Amino acid sequence: MLAADTTVVFDDQIIGKPQNGQDAARLLRALSGRQHQVLTAVAVALRDQVETQISVSSVWFHELTDADIRGYVATGEPLDKAGAYAIQGRGGAFVTRITGSYSGIMGLPLAETVELLKRFDIPLW
């Protein structure tokens, strides 16, 4: 079994998924022009063995206008995303820089997942 989950950390607080459009707009205003971290944990379990890895990435947003936020929230995309944005979707337009794992920010860090699968001797190719 493989499982993964992602959260956003901003100003030493965990930011989950927004409750509604108004909450999404509030979160995006907070992230505007700032840096935050995206943490994605991955776990693989097989029989009695469980192995885990965590991916930590930093993301920088450009300054968002009220129109940017309103328009993006209206798409519905941020409503089920940690931090109220999807880097692989329209929310990627807000990102000026990242360090770390792009796939981890999307929700499944590939390098870390491959490392876990190797621990189980699961062939990749």
PDB file of N, CA and C in Angstrom:
ATOM      1  N   MET A   1       0.842  -1.158   0.000  1.00  0.00           N
ATOM      2  CA  MET A   1       0.000   0.000   0.000  1.00  0.00           C
ATOM      3  C   MET A   1       0.896   1.231   0.000  1.00  0.00           C
ATOM      4  N   LEU A   2       0.511   2.237  -0.768  1.00  0.00           N
ATOM      5  CA  LEU A   2       1.216   3.510  -0.832  1.00  0.00           C
ATOM      6  C   LEU A   2       0.231   4.604  -0.486  1.00  0.00           C
ATOM      7  N   ALA A   3       0.657   5.535   0.367  1.00  0.00           N
ATOM      8  CA  ALA A   3      -0.194   6.664   0.732  1.00  0.00           C
ATOM      9  C   ALA A   3       0.661   7.921   0.812  1.00  0.00           C
ATOM     10  N   ALA A   4       0.050   9.062   0.522  1.00  0.00           N
ATOM     11  CA  ALA A   4       0.750  10.343   0.608  1.00  0.00           C
ATOM     12  C   ALA A   4      -0.242  11.420   0.996  1.00  0.00           C
ATOM     13  N   ASP A   5       0.267  12.439   1.695  1.00  0.00           N
ATOM     14  CA  ASP A   5      -0.569  13.589   2.020  1.00  0.00           C
ATOM     15  C   ASP A   5       0.315  14.823   2.092  1.00  0.00           C
ATOM     16  N   THR A   6      -0.280  15.955   1.747  1.00  0.00           N
ATOM     17  CA  THR A   6       0.445  17.213   1.627  1.00  0.00           C
ATOM     18  C   THR A   6      -0.167  18.265   2.529  1.00  0.00           C
ATOM     19  N   THR A   7       0.706  19.082   3.111  1.00  0.00           N
ATOM     20  CA  THR A   7       0.252  20.240   3.873  1.00  0.00           C
ATOM     21  C   THR A   7       1.171  21.411   3.566  1.00  0.00           C
ATOM     22  N   VAL A   8       0.692  22.587   3.859  1.00  0.00           N
ATOM     23  CA  VAL A   8       1.445  23.820   3.644  1.00  0.00           C
ATOM     24  C   VAL A   8       1.732  24.426   5.011  1.00  0.00           C
ATOM     25  N   VAL A   9       2.946  24.939   5.180  1.00  0.00           N
ATOM     26  CA  VAL A   9       3.328  25.621   6.410  1.00  0.00           C
ATOM     27  C   VAL A   9       3.686  27.054   6.058  1.00  0.00           C
ATOM     28  N   PHE A  10       3.049  27.982   6.755  1.00  0.00           N
ATOM     29  CA  PHE A  10       3.260  29.413   6.518  1.00  0.00           C
ATOM     30  C   PHE A  10       3.266  30.118   7.859  1.00  0.00           C
ATOM     31  N   ASP A  11       4.299  30.907   8.109  1.00  0.00           N
ATOM     32  CA  ASP A  11       4.433  31.607   9.398  1.00  0.00           C
ATOM     33  C   ASP A  11       4.279  30.642  10.572  1.00  0.00           C
ATOM     34  N   ASP A  12       4.924  29.479  10.469  1.00  0.00           N
ATOM     35  CA  ASP A  12       4.922  28.457  11.522  1.00  0.00           C
ATOM     36  C   ASP A  12       3.542  27.900  11.833  1.00  0.00           C
ATOM     37  N   GLN A  13       2.619  28.007  10.895  1.00  0.00           N
ATOM     38  CA  GLN A  13       1.279  27.437  11.064  1.00  0.00           C
ATOM     39  C   GLN A  13       0.978  26.488   9.913  1.00  0.00           C
ATOM     40  N   ILE A  14       0.311  25.401  10.236  1.00  0.00           N
ATOM     41  CA  ILE A  14      -0.108  24.455   9.209  1.00  0.00           C
ATOM     42  C   ILE A  14      -1.366  24.982   8.543  1.00  0.00           C
ATOM     43  N   ILE A  15      -1.328  25.029   7.225  1.00  0.00           N
ATOM     44  CA  ILE A  15      -2.472  25.499   6.437  1.00  0.00           C
ATOM     45  C   ILE A  15      -2.997  24.311   5.639  1.00  0.00           C
ATOM     46  N   GLY A  16      -4.190  23.914   5.909  1.00  0.00           N
ATOM     47  CA  GLY A  16      -4.783  22.801   5.186  1.00  0.00           C
ATOM     48  C   GLY A  16      -5.557  23.281   3.978  1.00  0.00           C
ATOM     49  N   LYS A  17      -6.613  22.571   3.673  1.00  0.00           N
ATOM     50  CA  LYS A  17      -7.484  22.932   2.558  1.00  0.00           C
ATOM     51  C   LYS A  17      -8.458  24.002   3.028  1.00  0.00           C
ATOM     52  N   PRO A  18      -8.792  24.931   2.160  1.00  0.00           N
ATOM     53  CA  PRO A  18      -9.749  25.970   2.560  1.00  0.00           C
ATOM     54  C   PRO A  18     -11.148  25.385   2.770  1.00  0.00           C
ATOM     55  N   GLN A  19     -11.878  26.013   3.674  1.00  0.00           N
ATOM     56  CA  GLN A  19     -13.241  25.557   3.972  1.00  0.00           C
ATOM     57  C   GLN A  19     -14.244  25.962   2.897  1.00  0.00           C
ATOM     58  N   ASN A  20     -13.958  27.092   2.228  1.00  0.00           N
ATOM     59  CA  ASN A  20     -14.866  27.628   1.205  1.00  0.00           C
ATOM     60  C   ASN A  20     -14.100  28.677   0.390  1.00  0.00           C
ATOM     61  N   GLY A  21     -14.779  29.326  -0.528  1.00  0.00           N
ATOM     62  CA  GLY A  21     -14.137  30.325  -1.371  1.00  0.00           C
ATOM     63  C   GLY A  21     -13.591  31.501  -0.598  1.00  0.00           C
ATOM     64  N   GLN A  22     -14.305  31.936   0.412  1.00  0.00           N
ATOM     65  CA  GLN A  22     -13.841  33.060   1.222  1.00  0.00           C
ATOM     66  C   GLN A  22     -12.551  32.686   1.968  1.00  0.00           C
ATOM     67  N   ASP A  23     -12.495  31.487   2.484  1.00  0.00           N
ATOM     68  CA  ASP A  23     -11.297  31.016   3.169  1.00  0.00           C
ATOM     69  C   ASP A  23     -10.133  30.876   2.183  1.00  0.00           C
ATOM     70  N   ALA A  24     -10.418  30.398   0.982  1.00  0.00           N
ATOM     71  CA  ALA A  24      -9.381  30.287  -0.050  1.00  0.00           C
ATOM     72  C   ALA A  24      -8.799  31.660  -0.363  1.00  0.00           C
ATOM     73  N   ALA A  25      -9.656  32.658  -0.511  1.00  0.00           N
ATOM     74  CA  ALA A  25      -9.191  34.019  -0.789  1.00  0.00           C
ATOM     75  C   ALA A  25      -8.331  34.539   0.359  1.00  0.00           C
ATOM     76  N   ARG A  26      -8.714  34.255   1.578  1.00  0.00           N
ATOM     77  CA  ARG A  26      -7.931  34.684   2.743  1.00  0.00           C
ATOM     78  C   ARG A  26      -6.544  34.051   2.724  1.00  0.00           C
ATOM     79  N   LEU A  27      -6.483  32.753   2.432  1.00  0.00           N
ATOM     80  CA  LEU A  27      -5.204  32.059   2.387  1.00  0.00           C
ATOM     81  C   LEU A  27      -4.314  32.599   1.269  1.00  0.00           C
ATOM     82  N   LEU A  28      -4.890  32.822   0.103  1.00  0.00           N
ATOM     83  CA  LEU A  28      -4.114  33.339  -1.018  1.00  0.00           C
ATOM     84  C   LEU A  28      -3.587  34.749  -0.728  1.00  0.00           C
ATOM     85  N   ARG A  29      -4.390  35.572  -0.067  1.00  0.00           N
ATOM     86  CA  ARG A  29      -3.909  36.907   0.331  1.00  0.00           C
ATOM     87  C   ARG A  29      -2.716  36.789   1.276  1.00  0.00           C
ATOM     88  N   ALA A  30      -2.763  35.835   2.177  1.00  0.00           N
ATOM     89  CA  ALA A  30      -1.666  35.644   3.127  1.00  0.00           C
ATOM     90  C   ALA A  30      -0.393  35.188   2.406  1.00  0.00           C
ATOM     91  N   LEU A  31      -0.525  34.332   1.399  1.00  0.00           N
ATOM     92  CA  LEU A  31       0.629  33.809   0.674  1.00  0.00           C
ATOM     93  C   LEU A  31       1.181  34.792  -0.354  1.00  0.00           C
ATOM     94  N   SER A  32       0.402  35.772  -0.720  1.00  0.00           N
ATOM     95  CA  SER A  32       0.776  36.736  -1.751  1.00  0.00           C
ATOM     96  C   SER A  32       2.108  37.413  -1.442  1.00  0.00           C
ATOM     97  N   GLY A  33       3.042  37.312  -2.398  1.00  0.00           N
ATOM     98  CA  GLY A  33       4.334  37.956  -2.259  1.00  0.00           C
ATOM     99  C   GLY A  33       5.256  37.333  -1.229  1.00  0.00           C
ATOM    100  N   ARG A  34       4.916  36.163  -0.751  1.00  0.00           N
ATOM    101  CA  ARG A  34       5.653  35.538   0.360  1.00  0.00           C
ATOM    102  C   ARG A  34       6.120  34.138   0.002  1.00  0.00           C
ATOM    103  N   GLN A  35       6.942  33.608   0.888  1.00  0.00           N
ATOM    104  CA  GLN A  35       7.446  32.242   0.780  1.00  0.00           C
ATOM    105  C   GLN A  35       6.687  31.357   1.769  1.00  0.00           C
ATOM    106  N   HIS A  36       6.486  30.100   1.395  1.00  0.00           N
ATOM    107  CA  HIS A  36       5.917  29.110   2.306  1.00  0.00           C
ATOM    108  C   HIS A  36       6.533  27.752   2.000  1.00  0.00           C
ATOM    109  N   GLN A  37       6.310  26.796   2.878  1.00  0.00           N
ATOM    110  CA  GLN A  37       6.822  25.446   2.685  1.00  0.00           C
ATOM    111  C   GLN A  37       5.668  24.495   2.378  1.00  0.00           C
ATOM    112  N   VAL A  38       5.992  23.514   1.551  1.00  0.00           N
ATOM    113  CA  VAL A  38       5.056  22.439   1.239  1.00  0.00           C
ATOM    114  C   VAL A  38       5.699  21.142   1.708  1.00  0.00           C
ATOM    115  N   LEU A  39       4.998  20.433   2.582  1.00  0.00           N
ATOM    116  CA  LEU A  39       5.483  19.168   3.119  1.00  0.00           C
ATOM    117  C   LEU A  39       4.571  18.054   2.626  1.00  0.00           C
ATOM    118  N   THR A  40       5.185  17.053   2.006  1.00  0.00           N
ATOM    119  CA  THR A  40       4.423  15.889   1.567  1.00  0.00           C
ATOM    120  C   THR A  40       5.067  14.646   2.150  1.00  0.00           C
ATOM    121  N   ALA A  41       4.299  13.907   2.897  1.00  0.00           N
ATOM    122  CA  ALA A  41       4.764  12.656   3.484  1.00  0.00           C
ATOM    123  C   ALA A  41       4.270  11.502   2.620  1.00  0.00           C
ATOM    124  N   VAL A  42       5.145  10.513   2.451  1.00  0.00           N
ATOM    125  CA  VAL A  42       4.813   9.311   1.689  1.00  0.00           C
ATOM    126  C   VAL A  42       5.092   8.111   2.575  1.00  0.00           C
ATOM    127  N   ALA A  43       4.198   7.143   2.522  1.00  0.00           N
ATOM    128  CA  ALA A  43       4.390   5.901   3.271  1.00  0.00           C
ATOM    129  C   ALA A  43       4.111   4.721   2.351  1.00  0.00           C
ATOM    130  N   VAL A  44       4.934   3.712   2.490  1.00  0.00           N
ATOM    131  CA  VAL A  44       4.715   2.451   1.792  1.00  0.00           C
ATOM    132  C   VAL A  44       4.677   1.357   2.848  1.00  0.00           C
ATOM    133  N   ALA A  45       3.666   0.504   2.752  1.00  0.00           N
ATOM    134  CA  ALA A  45       3.519  -0.609   3.692  1.00  0.00           C
ATOM    135  C   ALA A  45       3.349  -1.898   2.899  1.00  0.00           C
ATOM    136  N   LEU A  46       4.085  -2.909   3.326  1.00  0.00           N
ATOM    137  CA  LEU A  46       3.982  -4.227   2.722  1.00  0.00           C
ATOM    138  C   LEU A  46       4.195  -5.247   3.829  1.00  0.00           C
ATOM    139  N   ARG A  47       3.190  -6.054   4.043  1.00  0.00           N
ATOM    140  CA  ARG A  47       3.192  -7.013   5.140  1.00  0.00           C
ATOM    141  C   ARG A  47       3.435  -6.280   6.464  1.00  0.00           C
ATOM    142  N   ASP A  48       4.498  -6.620   7.179  1.00  0.00           N
ATOM    143  CA  ASP A  48       4.771  -5.983   8.475  1.00  0.00           C
ATOM    144  C   ASP A  48       5.734  -4.802   8.378  1.00  0.00           C
ATOM    145  N   GLN A  49       6.186  -4.493   7.186  1.00  0.00           N
ATOM    146  CA  GLN A  49       7.171  -3.418   7.012  1.00  0.00           C
ATOM    147  C   GLN A  49       6.482  -2.124   6.571  1.00  0.00           C
ATOM    148  N   VAL A  50       6.810  -1.030   7.255  1.00  0.00           N
ATOM    149  CA  VAL A  50       6.314   0.296   6.882  1.00  0.00           C
ATOM    150  C   VAL A  50       7.515   1.229   6.791  1.00  0.00           C
ATOM    151  N   GLU A  51       7.607   1.948   5.682  1.00  0.00           N
ATOM    152  CA  GLU A  51       8.694   2.906   5.470  1.00  0.00           C
ATOM    153  C   GLU A  51       8.071   4.248   5.097  1.00  0.00           C
ATOM    154  N   THR A  52       8.696   5.327   5.564  1.00  0.00           N
ATOM    155  CA  THR A  52       8.164   6.664   5.280  1.00  0.00           C
ATOM    156  C   THR A  52       9.281   7.597   4.819  1.00  0.00           C
ATOM    157  N   GLN A  53       8.892   8.623   4.101  1.00  0.00           N
ATOM    158  CA  GLN A  53       9.780   9.693   3.655  1.00  0.00           C
ATOM    159  C   GLN A  53       8.971  10.986   3.671  1.00  0.00           C
ATOM    160  N   ILE A  54       9.662  12.101   3.803  1.00  0.00           N
ATOM    161  CA  ILE A  54       8.993  13.395   3.712  1.00  0.00           C
ATOM    162  C   ILE A  54       9.761  14.278   2.741  1.00  0.00           C
ATOM    163  N   SER A  55       9.019  14.997   1.949  1.00  0.00           N
ATOM    164  CA  SER A  55       9.568  15.962   1.007  1.00  0.00           C
ATOM    165  C   SER A  55       9.232  17.357   1.534  1.00  0.00           C
ATOM    166  N   VAL A  56      10.245  18.215   1.613  1.00  0.00           N
ATOM    167  CA  VAL A  56      10.037  19.592   2.056  1.00  0.00           C
ATOM    168  C   VAL A  56      10.497  20.513   0.935  1.00  0.00           C
ATOM    169  N   SER A  57       9.602  21.341   0.461  1.00  0.00           N
ATOM    170  CA  SER A  57       9.905  22.288  -0.617  1.00  0.00           C
ATOM    171  C   SER A  57       9.496  23.685  -0.190  1.00  0.00           C
ATOM    172  N   SER A  58      10.166  24.673  -0.759  1.00  0.00           N
ATOM    173  CA  SER A  58       9.797  26.070  -0.526  1.00  0.00           C
ATOM    174  C   SER A  58       9.232  26.651  -1.809  1.00  0.00           C
ATOM    175  N   VAL A  59       8.192  27.463  -1.652  1.00  0.00           N
ATOM    176  CA  VAL A  59       7.508  28.065  -2.794  1.00  0.00           C
ATOM    177  C   VAL A  59       7.378  29.560  -2.532  1.00  0.00           C
ATOM    178  N   TRP A  60       7.653  30.350  -3.560  1.00  0.00           N
ATOM    179  CA  TRP A  60       7.485  31.802  -3.486  1.00  0.00           C
ATOM    180  C   TRP A  60       6.390  32.227  -4.445  1.00  0.00           C
ATOM    181  N   PHE A  61       5.483  33.075  -3.971  1.00  0.00           N
ATOM    182  CA  PHE A  61       4.410  33.649  -4.791  1.00  0.00           C
ATOM    183  C   PHE A  61       4.763  35.084  -5.148  1.00  0.00           C
ATOM    184  N   HIS A  62       4.324  35.524  -6.331  1.00  0.00           N
ATOM    185  CA  HIS A  62       4.404  36.949  -6.623  1.00  0.00           C
ATOM    186  C   HIS A  62       3.242  37.650  -5.916  1.00  0.00           C
ATOM    187  N   GLU A  63       3.245  38.953  -5.922  1.00  0.00           N
ATOM    188  CA  GLU A  63       2.137  39.713  -5.319  1.00  0.00           C
ATOM    189  C   GLU A  63       0.868  39.443  -6.123  1.00  0.00           C
ATOM    190  N   LEU A  64      -0.186  39.054  -5.437  1.00  0.00           N
ATOM    191  CA  LEU A  64      -1.463  38.771  -6.092  1.00  0.00           C
ATOM    192  C   LEU A  64      -2.386  39.971  -5.950  1.00  0.00           C
ATOM    193  N   THR A  65      -3.057  40.309  -7.025  1.00  0.00           N
ATOM    194  CA  THR A  65      -4.056  41.374  -6.960  1.00  0.00           C
ATOM    195  C   THR A  65      -5.380  40.786  -6.479  1.00  0.00           C
ATOM    196  N   ASP A  66      -6.286  41.645  -6.073  1.00  0.00           N
ATOM    197  CA  ASP A  66      -7.624  41.170  -5.706  1.00  0.00           C
ATOM    198  C   ASP A  66      -8.284  40.477  -6.888  1.00  0.00           C
ATOM    199  N   ALA A  67      -8.050  40.987  -8.105  1.00  0.00           N
ATOM    200  CA  ALA A  67      -8.625  40.376  -9.304  1.00  0.00           C
ATOM    201  C   ALA A  67      -8.035  38.980  -9.533  1.00  0.00           C
ATOM    202  N   ASP A  68      -6.717  38.821  -9.300  1.00  0.00           N
ATOM    203  CA  ASP A  68      -6.097  37.491  -9.414  1.00  0.00           C
ATOM    204  C   ASP A  68      -6.793  36.510  -8.480  1.00  0.00           C
ATOM    205  N   ILE A  69      -6.959  36.930  -7.242  1.00  0.00           N
ATOM    206  CA  ILE A  69      -7.541  36.051  -6.223  1.00  0.00           C
ATOM    207  C   ILE A  69      -8.993  35.733  -6.544  1.00  0.00           C
ATOM    208  N   ARG A  70      -9.782  36.752  -6.858  1.00  0.00           N
ATOM    209  CA  ARG A  70     -11.199  36.525  -7.192  1.00  0.00           C
ATOM    210  C   ARG A  70     -11.329  35.583  -8.381  1.00  0.00           C
ATOM    211  N   GLY A  71     -10.555  35.848  -9.431  1.00  0.00           N
ATOM    212  CA  GLY A  71     -10.641  35.027 -10.643  1.00  0.00           C
ATOM    213  C   GLY A  71     -10.245  33.587 -10.382  1.00  0.00           C
ATOM    214  N   TYR A  72      -9.183  33.398  -9.619  1.00  0.00           N
ATOM    215  CA  TYR A  72      -8.716  32.043  -9.336  1.00  0.00           C
ATOM    216  C   TYR A  72      -9.705  31.292  -8.458  1.00  0.00           C
ATOM    217  N   VAL A  73     -10.191  31.935  -7.426  1.00  0.00           N
ATOM    218  CA  VAL A  73     -11.167  31.285  -6.542  1.00  0.00           C
ATOM    219  C   VAL A  73     -12.415  30.896  -7.327  1.00  0.00           C
ATOM    220  N   ALA A  74     -12.822  31.739  -8.284  1.00  0.00           N
ATOM    221  CA  ALA A  74     -14.011  31.457  -9.093  1.00  0.00           C
ATOM    222  C   ALA A  74     -13.859  30.194  -9.941  1.00  0.00           C
ATOM    223  N   THR A  75     -12.626  29.787 -10.232  1.00  0.00           N
ATOM    224  CA  THR A  75     -12.418  28.555 -11.012  1.00  0.00           C
ATOM    225  C   THR A  75     -12.761  27.312 -10.201  1.00  0.00           C
ATOM    226  N   GLY A  76     -12.762  27.439  -8.870  1.00  0.00           N
ATOM    227  CA  GLY A  76     -13.012  26.288  -8.005  1.00  0.00           C
ATOM    228  C   GLY A  76     -11.768  25.468  -7.716  1.00  0.00           C
ATOM    229  N   GLU A  77     -10.687  25.708  -8.439  1.00  0.00           N
ATOM    230  CA  GLU A  77      -9.474  24.907  -8.280  1.00  0.00           C
ATOM    231  C   GLU A  77      -8.901  24.923  -6.865  1.00  0.00           C
ATOM    232  N   PRO A  78      -8.900  26.055  -6.177  1.00  0.00           N
ATOM    233  CA  PRO A  78      -8.249  26.068  -4.861  1.00  0.00           C
ATOM    234  C   PRO A  78      -9.038  25.405  -3.740  1.00  0.00           C
ATOM    235  N   LEU A  79     -10.265  25.033  -3.977  1.00  0.00           N
ATOM    236  CA  LEU A  79     -11.141  24.609  -2.886  1.00  0.00           C
ATOM    237  C   LEU A  79     -10.780  23.264  -2.259  1.00  0.00           C
ATOM    238  N   ASP A  80     -10.069  22.416  -2.981  1.00  0.00           N
ATOM    239  CA  ASP A  80      -9.699  21.124  -2.388  1.00  0.00           C
ATOM    240  C   ASP A  80      -8.188  20.924  -2.373  1.00  0.00           C
ATOM    241  N   LYS A  81      -7.457  22.033  -2.272  1.00  0.00           N
ATOM    242  CA  LYS A  81      -6.005  21.974  -2.296  1.00  0.00           C
ATOM    243  C   LYS A  81      -5.405  22.559  -1.025  1.00  0.00           C
ATOM    244  N   ALA A  82      -4.420  21.876  -0.469  1.00  0.00           N
ATOM    245  CA  ALA A  82      -3.693  22.421   0.671  1.00  0.00           C
ATOM    246  C   ALA A  82      -3.059  23.743   0.251  1.00  0.00           C
ATOM    247  N   GLY A  83      -3.235  24.768   1.051  1.00  0.00           N
ATOM    248  CA  GLY A  83      -2.702  26.081   0.720  1.00  0.00           C
ATOM    249  C   GLY A  83      -3.536  26.845  -0.285  1.00  0.00           C
ATOM    250  N   ALA A  84      -4.620  26.271  -0.747  1.00  0.00           N
ATOM    251  CA  ALA A  84      -5.578  26.916  -1.655  1.00  0.00           C
ATOM    252  C   ALA A  84      -5.031  27.156  -3.058  1.00  0.00           C
ATOM    253  N   TYR A  85      -4.083  26.301  -3.507  1.00  0.00           N
ATOM    254  CA  TYR A  85      -3.635  26.426  -4.898  1.00  0.00           C
ATOM    255  C   TYR A  85      -3.094  25.088  -5.394  1.00  0.00           C
ATOM    256  N   ALA A  86      -3.109  24.950  -6.709  1.00  0.00           N
ATOM    257  CA  ALA A  86      -2.554  23.769  -7.368  1.00  0.00           C
ATOM    258  C   ALA A  86      -1.435  24.236  -8.285  1.00  0.00           C
ATOM    259  N   ILE A  87      -0.191  23.902  -7.955  1.00  0.00           N
ATOM    260  CA  ILE A  87       0.942  24.341  -8.775  1.00  0.00           C
ATOM    261  C   ILE A  87       0.867  23.760 -10.180  1.00  0.00           C
ATOM    262  N   GLN A  88       0.267  22.574 -10.327  1.00  0.00           N
ATOM    263  CA  GLN A  88       0.166  21.928 -11.629  1.00  0.00           C
ATOM    264  C   GLN A  88      -1.006  22.463 -12.445  1.00  0.00           C
ATOM    265  N   GLY A  89      -1.790  23.341 -11.856  1.00  0.00           N
ATOM    266  CA  GLY A  89      -2.935  23.933 -12.543  1.00  0.00           C
ATOM    267  C   GLY A  89      -2.737  25.428 -12.727  1.00  0.00           C
ATOM    268  N   ARG A  90      -3.842  26.139 -12.694  1.00  0.00           N
ATOM    269  CA  ARG A  90      -3.800  27.593 -12.884  1.00  0.00           C
ATOM    270  C   ARG A  90      -3.043  28.299 -11.770  1.00  0.00           C
ATOM    271  N   GLY A  91      -3.034  27.714 -10.583  1.00  0.00           N
ATOM    272  CA  GLY A  91      -2.312  28.303  -9.458  1.00  0.00           C
ATOM    273  C   GLY A  91      -0.821  28.383  -9.691  1.00  0.00           C
ATOM    274  N   GLY A  92      -0.293  27.589 -10.620  1.00  0.00           N
ATOM    275  CA  GLY A  92       1.120  27.649 -10.954  1.00  0.00           C
ATOM    276  C   GLY A  92       1.544  29.015 -11.474  1.00  0.00           C
ATOM    277  N   ALA A  93       0.590  29.791 -11.993  1.00  0.00           N
ATOM    278  CA  ALA A  93       0.898  31.133 -12.495  1.00  0.00           C
ATOM    279  C   ALA A  93       1.318  32.077 -11.377  1.00  0.00           C
ATOM    280  N   PHE A  94       1.021  31.742 -10.124  1.00  0.00           N
ATOM    281  CA  PHE A  94       1.377  32.599  -8.988  1.00  0.00           C
ATOM    282  C   PHE A  94       2.808  32.360  -8.507  1.00  0.00           C
ATOM    283  N   VAL A  95       3.405  31.262  -8.920  1.00  0.00           N
ATOM    284  CA  VAL A  95       4.690  30.818  -8.381  1.00  0.00           C
ATOM    285  C   VAL A  95       5.840  31.458  -9.147  1.00  0.00           C
ATOM    286  N   THR A  96       6.725  32.131  -8.410  1.00  0.00           N
ATOM    287  CA  THR A  96       7.895  32.743  -9.038  1.00  0.00           C
ATOM    288  C   THR A  96       9.139  31.877  -8.884  1.00  0.00           C
ATOM    289  N   ARG A  97       9.156  31.018  -7.867  1.00  0.00           N
ATOM    290  CA  ARG A  97      10.345  30.215  -7.608  1.00  0.00           C
ATOM    291  C   ARG A  97       9.989  29.061  -6.680  1.00  0.00           C
ATOM    292  N   ILE A  98      10.694  27.951  -6.866  1.00  0.00           N
ATOM    293  CA  ILE A  98      10.585  26.841  -5.914  1.00  0.00           C
ATOM    294  C   ILE A  98      11.981  26.294  -5.635  1.00  0.00           C
ATOM    295  N   THR A  99      12.142  25.744  -4.459  1.00  0.00           N
ATOM    296  CA  THR A  99      13.293  24.896  -4.164  1.00  0.00           C
ATOM    297  C   THR A  99      12.709  23.608  -3.612  1.00  0.00           C
ATOM    298  N   GLY A 100      13.309  22.505  -3.993  1.00  0.00           N
ATOM    299  CA  GLY A 100      12.787  21.227  -3.540  1.00  0.00           C
ATOM    300  C   GLY A 100      12.182  20.450  -4.676  1.00  0.00           C
ATOM    301  N   SER A 101      11.096  19.777  -4.403  1.00  0.00           N
ATOM    302  CA  SER A 101      10.495  18.820  -5.325  1.00  0.00           C
ATOM    303  C   SER A 101       9.192  19.343  -5.922  1.00  0.00           C
ATOM    304  N   TYR A 102       9.193  19.571  -7.236  1.00  0.00           N
ATOM    305  CA  TYR A 102       7.959  19.976  -7.910  1.00  0.00           C
ATOM    306  C   TYR A 102       6.883  18.907  -7.733  1.00  0.00           C
ATOM    307  N   SER A 103       7.267  17.636  -7.914  1.00  0.00           N
ATOM    308  CA  SER A 103       6.273  16.561  -7.775  1.00  0.00           C
ATOM    309  C   SER A 103       5.785  16.457  -6.330  1.00  0.00           C
ATOM    310  N   GLY A 104       6.640  16.803  -5.372  1.00  0.00           N
ATOM    311  CA  GLY A 104       6.213  16.825  -3.975  1.00  0.00           C
ATOM    312  C   GLY A 104       5.178  17.907  -3.720  1.00  0.00           C
ATOM    313  N   ILE A 105       5.350  19.046  -4.366  1.00  0.00           N
ATOM    314  CA  ILE A 105       4.377  20.135  -4.230  1.00  0.00           C
ATOM    315  C   ILE A 105       3.047  19.710  -4.851  1.00  0.00           C
ATOM    316  N   MET A 106       3.106  18.938  -5.923  1.00  0.00           N
ATOM    317  CA  MET A 106       1.881  18.431  -6.557  1.00  0.00           C
ATOM    318  C   MET A 106       1.172  17.404  -5.677  1.00  0.00           C
ATOM    319  N   GLY A 107       1.937  16.699  -4.817  1.00  0.00           N
ATOM    320  CA  GLY A 107       1.269  15.756  -3.929  1.00  0.00           C
ATOM    321  C   GLY A 107       1.855  14.367  -3.848  1.00  0.00           C
ATOM    322  N   LEU A 108       2.804  14.023  -4.749  1.00  0.00           N
ATOM    323  CA  LEU A 108       3.472  12.724  -4.660  1.00  0.00           C
ATOM    324  C   LEU A 108       4.927  12.916  -5.087  1.00  0.00           C
ATOM    325  N   PRO A 109       5.825  13.081  -4.122  1.00  0.00           N
ATOM    326  CA  PRO A 109       7.230  13.306  -4.460  1.00  0.00           C
ATOM    327  C   PRO A 109       7.843  12.042  -5.067  1.00  0.00           C
ATOM    328  N   LEU A 110       8.166  12.118  -6.336  1.00  0.00           N
ATOM    329  CA  LEU A 110       8.594  10.926  -7.065  1.00  0.00           C
ATOM    330  C   LEU A 110       9.921  10.370  -6.581  1.00  0.00           C
ATOM    331  N   ALA A 111      10.923  11.221  -6.358  1.00  0.00           N
ATOM    332  CA  ALA A 111      12.227  10.707  -5.923  1.00  0.00           C
ATOM    333  C   ALA A 111      12.105   9.970  -4.593  1.00  0.00           C
ATOM    334  N   GLU A 112      11.370  10.536  -3.676  1.00  0.00           N
ATOM    335  CA  GLU A 112      11.188   9.908  -2.366  1.00  0.00           C
ATOM    336  C   GLU A 112      10.385   8.615  -2.486  1.00  0.00           C
ATOM    337  N   THR A 113       9.397   8.605  -3.356  1.00  0.00           N
ATOM    338  CA  THR A 113       8.587   7.407  -3.561  1.00  0.00           C
ATOM    339  C   THR A 113       9.436   6.283  -4.157  1.00  0.00           C
ATOM    340  N   VAL A 114      10.267   6.612  -5.128  1.00  0.00           N
ATOM    341  CA  VAL A 114      11.166   5.618  -5.721  1.00  0.00           C
ATOM    342  C   VAL A 114      12.104   5.052  -4.654  1.00  0.00           C
ATOM    343  N   GLU A 115      12.636   5.928  -3.798  1.00  0.00           N
ATOM    344  CA  GLU A 115      13.519   5.474  -2.720  1.00  0.00           C
ATOM    345  C   GLU A 115      12.794   4.486  -1.809  1.00  0.00           C
ATOM    346  N   LEU A 116      11.549   4.774  -1.472  1.00  0.00           N
ATOM    347  CA  LEU A 116      10.785   3.853  -0.627  1.00  0.00           C
ATOM    348  C   LEU A 116      10.556   2.521  -1.322  1.00  0.00           C
ATOM    349  N   LEU A 117      10.190   2.555  -2.583  1.00  0.00           N
ATOM    350  CA  LEU A 117       9.935   1.310  -3.315  1.00  0.00           C
ATOM    351  C   LEU A 117      11.194   0.454  -3.402  1.00  0.00           C
ATOM    352  N   LYS A 118      12.345   1.090  -3.538  1.00  0.00           N
ATOM    353  CA  LYS A 118      13.613   0.346  -3.565  1.00  0.00           C
ATOM    354  C   LYS A 118      13.842  -0.388  -2.247  1.00  0.00           C
ATOM    355  N   ARG A 119      13.426   0.213  -1.138  1.00  0.00           N
ATOM    356  CA  ARG A 119      13.599  -0.442   0.168  1.00  0.00           C
ATOM    357  C   ARG A 119      12.818  -1.749   0.260  1.00  0.00           C
ATOM    358  N   PHE A 120      11.794  -1.874  -0.581  1.00  0.00           N
ATOM    359  CA  PHE A 120      10.978  -3.080  -0.616  1.00  0.00           C
ATOM    360  C   PHE A 120      11.384  -4.008  -1.759  1.00  0.00           C
ATOM    361  N   ASP A 121      12.467  -3.656  -2.433  1.00  0.00           N
ATOM    362  CA  ASP A 121      12.928  -4.417  -3.594  1.00  0.00           C
ATOM    363  C   ASP A 121      11.860  -4.526  -4.682  1.00  0.00           C
ATOM    364  N   ILE A 122      11.067  -3.474  -4.816  1.00  0.00           N
ATOM    365  CA  ILE A 122      10.034  -3.438  -5.851  1.00  0.00           C
ATOM    366  C   ILE A 122      10.692  -2.903  -7.126  1.00  0.00           C
ATOM    367  N   PRO A 123      10.654  -3.687  -8.230  1.00  0.00           N
ATOM    368  CA  PRO A 123      11.297  -3.227  -9.467  1.00  0.00           C
ATOM    369  C   PRO A 123      10.579  -2.010 -10.048  1.00  0.00           C
ATOM    370  N   LEU A 124      11.374  -1.074 -10.543  1.00  0.00           N
ATOM    371  CA  LEU A 124      10.802   0.143 -11.095  1.00  0.00           C
ATOM    372  C   LEU A 124      10.663   0.109 -12.600  1.00  0.00           C
ATOM    373  N   TRP A 125      11.488  -0.676 -13.244  1.00  0.00           N
ATOM    374  CA  TRP A 125      11.474  -0.667 -14.710  1.00  0.00           C
ATOM    375  C   TRP A 125      11.224  -2.046 -15.256  1.00  0.00           C
TER     376      TRP A 125
END
